[in-house]
């Protein structure tokens, strides 16, 4: 099994949407997603990584370089939207995506990487811990009603 990792492209939007639908149970606006992918591709502090198995998109994760004002003031990497197709889970795809984002973080001289995961995702928590992430004390999120 050969897996390649590189930036997702706008033409990947339909498959990307299907991955997210499997993950969150909510469909995405594919045209809006295409526009966002184009916009993010032009921003060097964003990396929407795709895992391609035989040229088919089977996983993704987004890294965002965030400026920090603490300590040495070097940035950190925020990781979001991590999802791997159920058919590709357990085959190293998620680990490869995280390695790709770690490479990106090091390239941008980030001090650390951070991500959030829902309390009920115990398998995901074990995976993150197995690749070197430590469980954080607590995280909070507030959903805004912006339409």
C-alpha atoms as a PDB file:
ATOM      1  CA  UNK A   1       0.000   0.000   0.000  1.00  0.00           C
ATOM      2  CA  UNK A   2       1.541   3.289  -1.113  1.00  0.00           C
ATOM      3  CA  UNK A   3       0.283   6.439   0.561  1.00  0.00           C
ATOM      4  CA  UNK A   4       1.301   9.881  -0.618  1.00  0.00           C
ATOM      5  CA  UNK A   5       0.772  13.087   1.338  1.00  0.00           C
ATOM      6  CA  UNK A   6       0.311  16.521  -0.168  1.00  0.00           C
ATOM      7  CA  UNK A   7      -2.023  19.519  -0.137  1.00  0.00           C
ATOM      8  CA  UNK A   8      -5.611  18.812  -1.071  1.00  0.00           C
ATOM      9  CA  UNK A   9      -6.876  20.526  -4.202  1.00  0.00           C
ATOM     10  CA  UNK A  10     -10.232  22.094  -5.012  1.00  0.00           C
ATOM     11  CA  UNK A  11     -11.080  19.103  -7.207  1.00  0.00           C
ATOM     12  CA  UNK A  12     -10.865  16.917  -4.075  1.00  0.00           C
ATOM     13  CA  UNK A  13     -13.830  18.727  -2.493  1.00  0.00           C
ATOM     14  CA  UNK A  14     -16.497  16.080  -3.195  1.00  0.00           C
ATOM     15  CA  UNK A  15     -14.398  13.261  -1.687  1.00  0.00           C
ATOM     16  CA  UNK A  16     -13.318  15.512   1.185  1.00  0.00           C
ATOM     17  CA  UNK A  17     -16.961  16.334   1.868  1.00  0.00           C
ATOM     18  CA  UNK A  18     -17.819  12.616   1.953  1.00  0.00           C
ATOM     19  CA  UNK A  19     -15.014  12.010   4.487  1.00  0.00           C
ATOM     20  CA  UNK A  20     -16.316  14.801   6.715  1.00  0.00           C
ATOM     21  CA  UNK A  21     -19.899  13.544   6.361  1.00  0.00           C
ATOM     22  CA  UNK A  22     -18.766  10.123   7.642  1.00  0.00           C
ATOM     23  CA  UNK A  23     -17.007  11.845  10.527  1.00  0.00           C
ATOM     24  CA  UNK A  24     -19.515  14.497  11.666  1.00  0.00           C
ATOM     25  CA  UNK A  25     -22.710  13.282  10.034  1.00  0.00           C
ATOM     26  CA  UNK A  26     -23.304  16.625   8.348  1.00  0.00           C
ATOM     27  CA  UNK A  27     -22.873  17.415   4.659  1.00  0.00           C
ATOM     28  CA  UNK A  28     -20.651  20.248   3.492  1.00  0.00           C
ATOM     29  CA  UNK A  29     -21.325  22.844   0.818  1.00  0.00           C
ATOM     30  CA  UNK A  30     -18.986  21.515  -1.870  1.00  0.00           C
ATOM     31  CA  UNK A  31     -18.785  24.774  -3.826  1.00  0.00           C
ATOM     32  CA  UNK A  32     -17.954  26.719  -0.663  1.00  0.00           C
ATOM     33  CA  UNK A  33     -15.400  24.038   0.234  1.00  0.00           C
ATOM     34  CA  UNK A  34     -13.725  24.438  -3.169  1.00  0.00           C
ATOM     35  CA  UNK A  35     -13.460  28.188  -2.584  1.00  0.00           C
ATOM     36  CA  UNK A  36     -12.021  27.658   0.903  1.00  0.00           C
ATOM     37  CA  UNK A  37      -9.451  25.155  -0.369  1.00  0.00           C
ATOM     38  CA  UNK A  38      -8.329  27.677  -3.008  1.00  0.00           C
ATOM     39  CA  UNK A  39      -8.164  30.441  -0.395  1.00  0.00           C
ATOM     40  CA  UNK A  40      -6.219  28.315   2.104  1.00  0.00           C
ATOM     41  CA  UNK A  41      -3.806  27.061  -0.550  1.00  0.00           C
ATOM     42  CA  UNK A  42      -2.650  30.655  -1.045  1.00  0.00           C
ATOM     43  CA  UNK A  43      -1.916  31.141   2.672  1.00  0.00           C
ATOM     44  CA  UNK A  44       1.462  29.749   3.744  1.00  0.00           C
ATOM     45  CA  UNK A  45       0.373  29.387   7.379  1.00  0.00           C
ATOM     46  CA  UNK A  46      -2.351  26.868   6.430  1.00  0.00           C
ATOM     47  CA  UNK A  47      -1.791  23.312   5.294  1.00  0.00           C
ATOM     48  CA  UNK A  48      -4.729  21.074   4.434  1.00  0.00           C
ATOM     49  CA  UNK A  49      -2.904  17.776   4.080  1.00  0.00           C
ATOM     50  CA  UNK A  50      -4.404  14.920   2.151  1.00  0.00           C
ATOM     51  CA  UNK A  51      -3.498  11.237   2.340  1.00  0.00           C
ATOM     52  CA  UNK A  52      -3.807   9.585  -1.057  1.00  0.00           C
ATOM     53  CA  UNK A  53      -3.899   5.804  -1.353  1.00  0.00           C
ATOM     54  CA  UNK A  54      -3.530   4.782  -4.992  1.00  0.00           C
ATOM     55  CA  UNK A  55      -4.332   8.421  -5.844  1.00  0.00           C
ATOM     56  CA  UNK A  56      -7.644   8.297  -3.921  1.00  0.00           C
ATOM     57  CA  UNK A  57      -8.103  10.715  -1.013  1.00  0.00           C
ATOM     58  CA  UNK A  58      -8.567   8.603   2.136  1.00  0.00           C
ATOM     59  CA  UNK A  59      -7.686  11.054   4.907  1.00  0.00           C
ATOM     60  CA  UNK A  60      -7.058  14.669   5.755  1.00  0.00           C
ATOM     61  CA  UNK A  61      -5.868  16.945   8.526  1.00  0.00           C
ATOM     62  CA  UNK A  62      -5.456  20.710   8.623  1.00  0.00           C
ATOM     63  CA  UNK A  63      -2.588  22.522  10.305  1.00  0.00           C
ATOM     64  CA  UNK A  64      -2.694  26.239  11.093  1.00  0.00           C
ATOM     65  CA  UNK A  65       0.412  28.104  12.209  1.00  0.00           C
ATOM     66  CA  UNK A  66      -0.615  30.447  15.039  1.00  0.00           C
ATOM     67  CA  UNK A  67       1.447  33.367  16.314  1.00  0.00           C
ATOM     68  CA  UNK A  68       2.246  33.227  20.023  1.00  0.00           C
ATOM     69  CA  UNK A  69       3.174  35.987  22.462  1.00  0.00           C
ATOM     70  CA  UNK A  70       4.497  33.798  25.290  1.00  0.00           C
ATOM     71  CA  UNK A  71       8.087  32.750  26.066  1.00  0.00           C
ATOM     72  CA  UNK A  72      10.249  32.786  22.945  1.00  0.00           C
ATOM     73  CA  UNK A  73       7.214  33.988  20.929  1.00  0.00           C
ATOM     74  CA  UNK A  74       7.622  31.218  18.364  1.00  0.00           C
ATOM     75  CA  UNK A  75       4.388  29.962  16.806  1.00  0.00           C
ATOM     76  CA  UNK A  76       2.442  26.786  17.545  1.00  0.00           C
ATOM     77  CA  UNK A  77       0.449  24.561  15.207  1.00  0.00           C
ATOM     78  CA  UNK A  78      -3.280  24.102  15.684  1.00  0.00           C
ATOM     79  CA  UNK A  79      -4.547  20.845  14.171  1.00  0.00           C
ATOM     80  CA  UNK A  80      -8.158  20.559  13.034  1.00  0.00           C
ATOM     81  CA  UNK A  81     -10.412  18.419  10.852  1.00  0.00           C
ATOM     82  CA  UNK A  82      -8.532  15.130  11.236  1.00  0.00           C
ATOM     83  CA  UNK A  83     -10.399  12.328   9.523  1.00  0.00           C
ATOM     84  CA  UNK A  84      -9.436   9.011   7.935  1.00  0.00           C
ATOM     85  CA  UNK A  85     -11.825   6.864   5.935  1.00  0.00           C
ATOM     86  CA  UNK A  86     -12.934   3.794   7.925  1.00  0.00           C
ATOM     87  CA  UNK A  87     -11.510   1.572   5.148  1.00  0.00           C
ATOM     88  CA  UNK A  88      -8.063   3.142   5.626  1.00  0.00           C
ATOM     89  CA  UNK A  89      -7.994   3.236   9.430  1.00  0.00           C
ATOM     90  CA  UNK A  90      -5.347   1.117  11.122  1.00  0.00           C
ATOM     91  CA  UNK A  91      -3.087   1.240   8.048  1.00  0.00           C
ATOM     92  CA  UNK A  92      -0.812   4.129   9.069  1.00  0.00           C
ATOM     93  CA  UNK A  93      -2.740   6.867   7.278  1.00  0.00           C
ATOM     94  CA  UNK A  94      -3.474   8.916  10.410  1.00  0.00           C
ATOM     95  CA  UNK A  95       0.088   8.544  11.645  1.00  0.00           C
ATOM     96  CA  UNK A  96       1.388   9.687   8.267  1.00  0.00           C
ATOM     97  CA  UNK A  97      -0.901  12.722   8.294  1.00  0.00           C
ATOM     98  CA  UNK A  98       0.341  13.693  11.752  1.00  0.00           C
ATOM     99  CA  UNK A  99       3.960  13.242  10.631  1.00  0.00           C
ATOM    100  CA  UNK A 100       3.252  15.464   7.634  1.00  0.00           C
ATOM    101  CA  UNK A 101       1.793  18.164   9.898  1.00  0.00           C
ATOM    102  CA  UNK A 102       4.741  17.806  12.272  1.00  0.00           C
ATOM    103  CA  UNK A 103       7.106  18.352   9.346  1.00  0.00           C
ATOM    104  CA  UNK A 104       5.091  21.471   8.430  1.00  0.00           C
ATOM    105  CA  UNK A 105       5.222  22.690  12.059  1.00  0.00           C
ATOM    106  CA  UNK A 106       8.984  22.220  12.225  1.00  0.00           C
ATOM    107  CA  UNK A 107       9.367  24.034   8.907  1.00  0.00           C
ATOM    108  CA  UNK A 108       7.577  26.990  10.533  1.00  0.00           C
ATOM    109  CA  UNK A 109       9.616  26.667  13.758  1.00  0.00           C
ATOM    110  CA  UNK A 110       6.578  25.899  15.904  1.00  0.00           C
ATOM    111  CA  UNK A 111       7.139  25.180  19.604  1.00  0.00           C
ATOM    112  CA  UNK A 112       4.335  22.625  19.811  1.00  0.00           C
ATOM    113  CA  UNK A 113       1.241  21.189  18.138  1.00  0.00           C
ATOM    114  CA  UNK A 114      -2.191  21.201  19.726  1.00  0.00           C
ATOM    115  CA  UNK A 115      -5.521  19.609  18.887  1.00  0.00           C
ATOM    116  CA  UNK A 116      -8.886  19.004  20.475  1.00  0.00           C
ATOM    117  CA  UNK A 117     -10.910  15.804  20.394  1.00  0.00           C
ATOM    118  CA  UNK A 118     -14.400  15.076  21.691  1.00  0.00           C
ATOM    119  CA  UNK A 119     -14.588  13.260  25.035  1.00  0.00           C
ATOM    120  CA  UNK A 120     -16.350  10.230  23.541  1.00  0.00           C
ATOM    121  CA  UNK A 121     -13.620   9.515  20.943  1.00  0.00           C
ATOM    122  CA  UNK A 122     -11.584   7.122  23.109  1.00  0.00           C
ATOM    123  CA  UNK A 123     -10.004   5.339  20.108  1.00  0.00           C
ATOM    124  CA  UNK A 124      -8.804   8.670  18.712  1.00  0.00           C
ATOM    125  CA  UNK A 125      -7.386   9.601  22.128  1.00  0.00           C
ATOM    126  CA  UNK A 126      -5.389   6.370  22.274  1.00  0.00           C
ATOM    127  CA  UNK A 127      -4.117   7.028  18.756  1.00  0.00           C
ATOM    128  CA  UNK A 128      -2.985  10.588  19.601  1.00  0.00           C
ATOM    129  CA  UNK A 129      -1.259   9.378  22.760  1.00  0.00           C
ATOM    130  CA  UNK A 130       0.486   6.589  20.797  1.00  0.00           C
ATOM    131  CA  UNK A 131       2.108   9.186  18.508  1.00  0.00           C
ATOM    132  CA  UNK A 132       3.337  11.434  21.309  1.00  0.00           C
ATOM    133  CA  UNK A 133       0.468  13.743  22.185  1.00  0.00           C
ATOM    134  CA  UNK A 134      -0.215  14.144  25.896  1.00  0.00           C
ATOM    135  CA  UNK A 135      -3.758  14.430  27.182  1.00  0.00           C
ATOM    136  CA  UNK A 136      -4.499  18.047  28.062  1.00  0.00           C
ATOM    137  CA  UNK A 137      -6.143  19.018  31.313  1.00  0.00           C
ATOM    138  CA  UNK A 138      -9.278  20.386  29.727  1.00  0.00           C
ATOM    139  CA  UNK A 139     -10.576  22.093  26.614  1.00  0.00           C
ATOM    140  CA  UNK A 140     -13.596  24.243  25.993  1.00  0.00           C
ATOM    141  CA  UNK A 141     -15.543  25.230  22.917  1.00  0.00           C
ATOM    142  CA  UNK A 142     -18.382  27.669  22.382  1.00  0.00           C
ATOM    143  CA  UNK A 143     -20.428  27.365  19.205  1.00  0.00           C
ATOM    144  CA  UNK A 144     -21.492  30.688  17.749  1.00  0.00           C
ATOM    145  CA  UNK A 145     -24.757  31.194  15.920  1.00  0.00           C
ATOM    146  CA  UNK A 146     -23.492  32.933  12.778  1.00  0.00           C
ATOM    147  CA  UNK A 147     -25.820  31.305  10.280  1.00  0.00           C
END
